[in-house]
């Protein structure tokens, strides 16, 4: 049972990583990841 949960967890994790990488590859900027133009500056103290 533990092995099944571990395998499912690994598969879901890999899928999430691939989804994020594909979204960034479509032209999403770094500031877009933080909710828009001004949001990124507030996080980095700018």
C-alpha atoms as a PDB file:
ATOM      1  CA  UNK A   1       0.000   0.000   0.000  1.00  0.00           C
ATOM      2  CA  UNK A   2       2.840   2.385   0.857  1.00  0.00           C
ATOM      3  CA  UNK A   3       4.500   1.571  -2.465  1.00  0.00           C
ATOM      4  CA  UNK A   4       1.322   2.416  -4.377  1.00  0.00           C
ATOM      5  CA  UNK A   5       0.999   5.774  -2.607  1.00  0.00           C
ATOM      6  CA  UNK A   6       4.673   6.525  -3.272  1.00  0.00           C
ATOM      7  CA  UNK A   7       4.360   5.717  -6.979  1.00  0.00           C
ATOM      8  CA  UNK A   8       1.226   7.865  -7.338  1.00  0.00           C
ATOM      9  CA  UNK A   9       2.939  10.713  -5.481  1.00  0.00           C
ATOM     10  CA  UNK A  10       5.973  10.592  -7.783  1.00  0.00           C
ATOM     11  CA  UNK A  11       3.820  10.511 -10.931  1.00  0.00           C
ATOM     12  CA  UNK A  12       1.706  13.467  -9.767  1.00  0.00           C
ATOM     13  CA  UNK A  13       4.833  15.424  -8.822  1.00  0.00           C
ATOM     14  CA  UNK A  14       6.412  14.879 -12.237  1.00  0.00           C
ATOM     15  CA  UNK A  15       3.177  15.897 -13.966  1.00  0.00           C
ATOM     16  CA  UNK A  16       2.982  19.116 -11.943  1.00  0.00           C
ATOM     17  CA  UNK A  17       6.599  19.966 -12.776  1.00  0.00           C
ATOM     18  CA  UNK A  18       5.957  19.401 -16.476  1.00  0.00           C
ATOM     19  CA  UNK A  19       2.796  21.539 -16.407  1.00  0.00           C
ATOM     20  CA  UNK A  20       4.658  24.437 -14.783  1.00  0.00           C
ATOM     21  CA  UNK A  21       7.552  24.175 -17.230  1.00  0.00           C
ATOM     22  CA  UNK A  22       5.176  24.148 -20.192  1.00  0.00           C
ATOM     23  CA  UNK A  23       3.352  27.231 -18.912  1.00  0.00           C
ATOM     24  CA  UNK A  24       6.599  29.158 -18.443  1.00  0.00           C
ATOM     25  CA  UNK A  25       7.675  28.115 -21.934  1.00  0.00           C
ATOM     26  CA  UNK A  26       4.538  29.677 -23.421  1.00  0.00           C
ATOM     27  CA  UNK A  27       5.794  33.160 -22.551  1.00  0.00           C
ATOM     28  CA  UNK A  28       4.817  33.717 -18.947  1.00  0.00           C
ATOM     29  CA  UNK A  29       7.279  36.145 -17.408  1.00  0.00           C
ATOM     30  CA  UNK A  30       8.708  35.881 -13.917  1.00  0.00           C
ATOM     31  CA  UNK A  31       6.517  38.719 -12.681  1.00  0.00           C
ATOM     32  CA  UNK A  32       3.488  36.939 -14.113  1.00  0.00           C
ATOM     33  CA  UNK A  33       4.126  34.050 -11.759  1.00  0.00           C
ATOM     34  CA  UNK A  34       3.618  36.396  -8.803  1.00  0.00           C
ATOM     35  CA  UNK A  35       0.294  37.794  -9.934  1.00  0.00           C
ATOM     36  CA  UNK A  36       1.131  40.565 -12.355  1.00  0.00           C
ATOM     37  CA  UNK A  37       3.454  43.470 -12.998  1.00  0.00           C
ATOM     38  CA  UNK A  38       3.523  45.150  -9.589  1.00  0.00           C
ATOM     39  CA  UNK A  39       3.281  41.984  -7.555  1.00  0.00           C
ATOM     40  CA  UNK A  40       6.755  40.774  -8.391  1.00  0.00           C
ATOM     41  CA  UNK A  41       8.364  44.030  -7.336  1.00  0.00           C
ATOM     42  CA  UNK A  42       6.722  43.943  -3.918  1.00  0.00           C
ATOM     43  CA  UNK A  43       8.003  40.428  -3.281  1.00  0.00           C
ATOM     44  CA  UNK A  44      11.602  41.340  -4.153  1.00  0.00           C
ATOM     45  CA  UNK A  45      11.538  44.573  -2.170  1.00  0.00           C
ATOM     46  CA  UNK A  46      11.571  46.831  -5.241  1.00  0.00           C
END
